Amino acid sequence: MFAGLNPARPIQSQYIYLKLRRLGLGGLAGRNTARLALAADVPASILAALTGTSIDNATDWTNFVKRDWTGYISSRRSAS
């Protein structure tokens, strides 16, 4: 995707990071925005599995977007 001087070898991640920082683009804000969007769409247990974080961390993200999944959980139980 990001060719280096030699097209067969990609640019190292540190170089991409420096180029983005010079342009005023940080990766942390984008990652956090993506995680918030995901936290609004899936329960904390799925968020934890998809992002590789702990369930406590995923619960914090889900609580931050104030999405209540109790209705979803109860509907899944009644459908079983």
N, C-alpha and C. Protein backbone atom coordinates (compact mmCIF):
# COMPACT_ATOMS: atom_id res chain seq x y z
N MET A 1 0.82 -1.18 0.00
CA MET A 1 0.00 0.00 0.00
C MET A 1 0.87 1.25 0.00
N PHE A 2 1.90 1.28 0.83
CA PHE A 2 2.82 2.41 0.90
C PHE A 2 4.19 1.93 0.45
N ALA A 3 4.47 2.10 -0.81
CA ALA A 3 5.75 1.62 -1.34
C ALA A 3 6.90 2.45 -0.80
N GLY A 4 8.03 1.79 -0.56
CA GLY A 4 9.24 2.48 -0.13
C GLY A 4 10.08 2.82 -1.34
N LEU A 5 11.35 3.09 -1.11
CA LEU A 5 12.25 3.36 -2.23
C LEU A 5 12.33 2.16 -3.16
N ASN A 6 12.34 0.99 -2.58
CA ASN A 6 12.30 -0.24 -3.34
C ASN A 6 10.84 -0.69 -3.35
N PRO A 7 10.18 -0.76 -4.52
CA PRO A 7 8.76 -1.11 -4.55
C PRO A 7 8.43 -2.47 -3.93
N ALA A 8 9.40 -3.34 -3.83
CA ALA A 8 9.14 -4.66 -3.25
C ALA A 8 9.11 -4.61 -1.72
N ARG A 9 9.55 -3.49 -1.14
CA ARG A 9 9.59 -3.38 0.32
C ARG A 9 8.72 -2.21 0.77
N PRO A 10 7.78 -2.44 1.67
CA PRO A 10 6.93 -1.33 2.14
C PRO A 10 7.71 -0.38 3.05
N ILE A 11 7.15 0.80 3.21
CA ILE A 11 7.73 1.78 4.13
C ILE A 11 7.58 1.26 5.56
N GLN A 12 8.57 1.52 6.39
CA GLN A 12 8.48 1.11 7.79
C GLN A 12 7.43 1.95 8.51
N SER A 13 6.81 1.35 9.50
CA SER A 13 5.73 2.03 10.22
C SER A 13 6.20 3.32 10.89
N GLN A 14 7.44 3.37 11.37
CA GLN A 14 7.95 4.58 12.01
C GLN A 14 8.01 5.74 11.01
N TYR A 15 8.37 5.44 9.77
CA TYR A 15 8.46 6.48 8.74
C TYR A 15 7.07 7.02 8.41
N ILE A 16 6.10 6.12 8.30
CA ILE A 16 4.72 6.56 8.04
C ILE A 16 4.23 7.44 9.19
N TYR A 17 4.52 7.03 10.41
CA TYR A 17 4.12 7.80 11.59
C TYR A 17 4.71 9.21 11.53
N LEU A 18 6.00 9.33 11.19
CA LEU A 18 6.64 10.65 11.11
C LEU A 18 6.04 11.50 10.01
N LYS A 19 5.76 10.89 8.86
CA LYS A 19 5.15 11.64 7.76
C LYS A 19 3.76 12.16 8.16
N LEU A 20 2.99 11.32 8.81
CA LEU A 20 1.65 11.73 9.24
C LEU A 20 1.73 12.83 10.30
N ARG A 21 2.67 12.74 11.21
CA ARG A 21 2.83 13.77 12.25
C ARG A 21 3.20 15.11 11.64
N ARG A 22 4.06 15.10 10.62
CA ARG A 22 4.43 16.35 9.94
C ARG A 22 3.23 17.00 9.28
N LEU A 23 2.28 16.18 8.85
CA LEU A 23 1.07 16.70 8.22
C LEU A 23 0.00 17.06 9.24
N GLY A 24 0.30 16.83 10.51
CA GLY A 24 -0.65 17.15 11.57
C GLY A 24 -1.69 16.07 11.79
N LEU A 25 -1.41 14.86 11.33
CA LEU A 25 -2.35 13.76 11.48
C LEU A 25 -1.80 12.76 12.50
N GLY A 26 -2.53 12.57 13.56
CA GLY A 26 -2.12 11.60 14.57
C GLY A 26 -2.97 10.35 14.49
N GLY A 27 -2.39 9.23 14.76
CA GLY A 27 -3.13 7.97 14.69
C GLY A 27 -4.03 7.73 15.88
N LEU A 28 -3.70 8.31 17.02
CA LEU A 28 -4.47 8.05 18.23
C LEU A 28 -5.91 8.55 18.12
N ALA A 29 -6.08 9.74 17.58
CA ALA A 29 -7.44 10.28 17.46
C ALA A 29 -8.29 9.43 16.53
N GLY A 30 -7.73 8.98 15.44
CA GLY A 30 -8.46 8.13 14.51
C GLY A 30 -8.81 6.79 15.12
N ARG A 31 -7.87 6.21 15.86
CA ARG A 31 -8.12 4.93 16.51
C ARG A 31 -9.22 5.07 17.55
N ASN A 32 -9.16 6.14 18.33
CA ASN A 32 -10.19 6.35 19.36
C ASN A 32 -11.55 6.59 18.74
N THR A 33 -11.60 7.33 17.65
CA THR A 33 -12.87 7.58 16.96
C THR A 33 -13.45 6.28 16.43
N ALA A 34 -12.61 5.45 15.85
CA ALA A 34 -13.08 4.16 15.34
C ALA A 34 -13.58 3.27 16.48
N ARG A 35 -12.87 3.28 17.60
CA ARG A 35 -13.28 2.46 18.74
C ARG A 35 -14.61 2.96 19.32
N LEU A 36 -14.80 4.28 19.37
CA LEU A 36 -16.08 4.82 19.85
C LEU A 36 -17.23 4.42 18.93
N ALA A 37 -16.99 4.49 17.62
CA ALA A 37 -18.03 4.09 16.67
C ALA A 37 -18.38 2.62 16.83
N LEU A 38 -17.36 1.80 17.02
CA LEU A 38 -17.59 0.37 17.22
C LEU A 38 -18.31 0.10 18.53
N ALA A 39 -17.94 0.84 19.58
CA ALA A 39 -18.58 0.68 20.89
C ALA A 39 -20.06 1.04 20.83
N ALA A 40 -20.43 1.93 19.93
CA ALA A 40 -21.84 2.29 19.79
C ALA A 40 -22.63 1.23 19.05
N ASP A 41 -21.93 0.35 18.32
CA ASP A 41 -22.62 -0.63 17.48
C ASP A 41 -22.63 -2.05 18.02
N VAL A 42 -21.72 -2.36 18.94
CA VAL A 42 -21.64 -3.75 19.43
C VAL A 42 -21.57 -3.76 20.95
N PRO A 43 -21.99 -4.87 21.58
CA PRO A 43 -21.86 -4.98 23.03
C PRO A 43 -20.39 -5.02 23.46
N ALA A 44 -20.15 -4.77 24.73
CA ALA A 44 -18.78 -4.70 25.25
C ALA A 44 -18.02 -6.00 25.06
N SER A 45 -18.68 -7.13 25.20
CA SER A 45 -17.98 -8.41 25.06
C SER A 45 -17.44 -8.59 23.64
N ILE A 46 -18.21 -8.17 22.65
CA ILE A 46 -17.75 -8.26 21.26
C ILE A 46 -16.66 -7.24 21.00
N LEU A 47 -16.81 -6.03 21.54
CA LEU A 47 -15.78 -5.01 21.39
C LEU A 47 -14.46 -5.49 21.96
N ALA A 48 -14.49 -6.14 23.12
CA ALA A 48 -13.27 -6.66 23.72
C ALA A 48 -12.62 -7.71 22.84
N ALA A 49 -13.43 -8.60 22.28
CA ALA A 49 -12.88 -9.66 21.42
C ALA A 49 -12.31 -9.09 20.12
N LEU A 50 -12.98 -8.12 19.53
CA LEU A 50 -12.52 -7.56 18.26
C LEU A 50 -11.27 -6.71 18.40
N THR A 51 -11.15 -5.98 19.50
CA THR A 51 -10.02 -5.06 19.66
C THR A 51 -8.90 -5.63 20.51
N GLY A 52 -9.12 -6.77 21.13
CA GLY A 52 -8.08 -7.39 21.94
C GLY A 52 -7.85 -6.70 23.27
N THR A 53 -8.86 -6.00 23.76
CA THR A 53 -8.76 -5.33 25.05
C THR A 53 -9.49 -6.15 26.11
N SER A 54 -9.36 -5.73 27.35
CA SER A 54 -10.06 -6.42 28.43
C SER A 54 -11.54 -6.07 28.40
N ILE A 55 -12.34 -6.89 29.03
CA ILE A 55 -13.78 -6.62 29.10
C ILE A 55 -14.06 -5.35 29.89
N ASP A 56 -13.24 -5.08 30.91
CA ASP A 56 -13.41 -3.84 31.69
C ASP A 56 -13.16 -2.61 30.82
N ASN A 57 -12.12 -2.66 30.01
CA ASN A 57 -11.82 -1.54 29.12
C ASN A 57 -12.93 -1.36 28.09
N ALA A 58 -13.39 -2.46 27.52
CA ALA A 58 -14.47 -2.40 26.54
C ALA A 58 -15.76 -1.87 27.17
N THR A 59 -16.02 -2.26 28.41
CA THR A 59 -17.20 -1.75 29.13
C THR A 59 -17.08 -0.24 29.33
N ASP A 60 -15.89 0.23 29.66
CA ASP A 60 -15.68 1.68 29.80
C ASP A 60 -15.98 2.41 28.50
N TRP A 61 -15.51 1.86 27.39
CA TRP A 61 -15.78 2.50 26.08
C TRP A 61 -17.27 2.49 25.78
N THR A 62 -17.93 1.38 26.06
CA THR A 62 -19.37 1.28 25.81
C THR A 62 -20.14 2.25 26.70
N ASN A 63 -19.72 2.38 27.96
CA ASN A 63 -20.36 3.34 28.86
C ASN A 63 -20.12 4.77 28.41
N PHE A 64 -18.96 5.03 27.83
CA PHE A 64 -18.64 6.37 27.37
C PHE A 64 -19.61 6.83 26.28
N VAL A 65 -20.01 5.92 25.39
CA VAL A 65 -20.97 6.28 24.35
C VAL A 65 -22.41 6.13 24.82
N LYS A 66 -22.55 5.67 26.07
CA LYS A 66 -23.85 5.55 26.73
C LYS A 66 -24.84 4.68 25.95
N ARG A 67 -24.35 3.56 25.45
CA ARG A 67 -25.22 2.62 24.77
C ARG A 67 -25.63 1.54 25.76
N ASP A 68 -26.92 1.34 25.92
CA ASP A 68 -27.44 0.34 26.86
C ASP A 68 -27.82 -0.92 26.07
N TRP A 69 -27.17 -2.03 26.39
CA TRP A 69 -27.39 -3.27 25.67
C TRP A 69 -28.30 -4.24 26.42
N THR A 70 -28.94 -3.81 27.50
CA THR A 70 -29.78 -4.73 28.26
C THR A 70 -30.97 -5.21 27.43
N GLY A 71 -31.54 -4.35 26.61
CA GLY A 71 -32.65 -4.76 25.75
C GLY A 71 -32.23 -5.80 24.73
N TYR A 72 -31.05 -5.63 24.17
CA TYR A 72 -30.51 -6.59 23.20
C TYR A 72 -30.30 -7.95 23.86
N ILE A 73 -29.72 -7.92 25.05
CA ILE A 73 -29.43 -9.18 25.75
C ILE A 73 -30.73 -9.90 26.09
N SER A 74 -31.73 -9.18 26.59
CA SER A 74 -32.99 -9.82 26.95
C SER A 74 -33.72 -10.36 25.71
N SER A 75 -33.63 -9.68 24.58
CA SER A 75 -34.27 -10.16 23.38
C SER A 75 -33.57 -11.43 22.86
N ARG A 76 -32.26 -11.51 23.02
CA ARG A 76 -31.51 -12.71 22.62
C ARG A 76 -31.87 -13.90 23.51
N ARG A 77 -32.07 -13.63 24.79
CA ARG A 77 -32.45 -14.72 25.72
C ARG A 77 -33.84 -15.23 25.40
N SER A 78 -34.76 -14.32 25.10
CA SER A 78 -36.14 -14.75 24.82
C SER A 78 -36.24 -15.45 23.46
N ALA A 79 -35.33 -15.15 22.54
CA ALA A 79 -35.35 -15.79 21.23
C ALA A 79 -34.79 -17.20 21.27
N SER A 80 -34.00 -17.51 22.31
CA SER A 80 -33.35 -18.84 22.41
C SER A 80 -34.30 -19.91 22.81
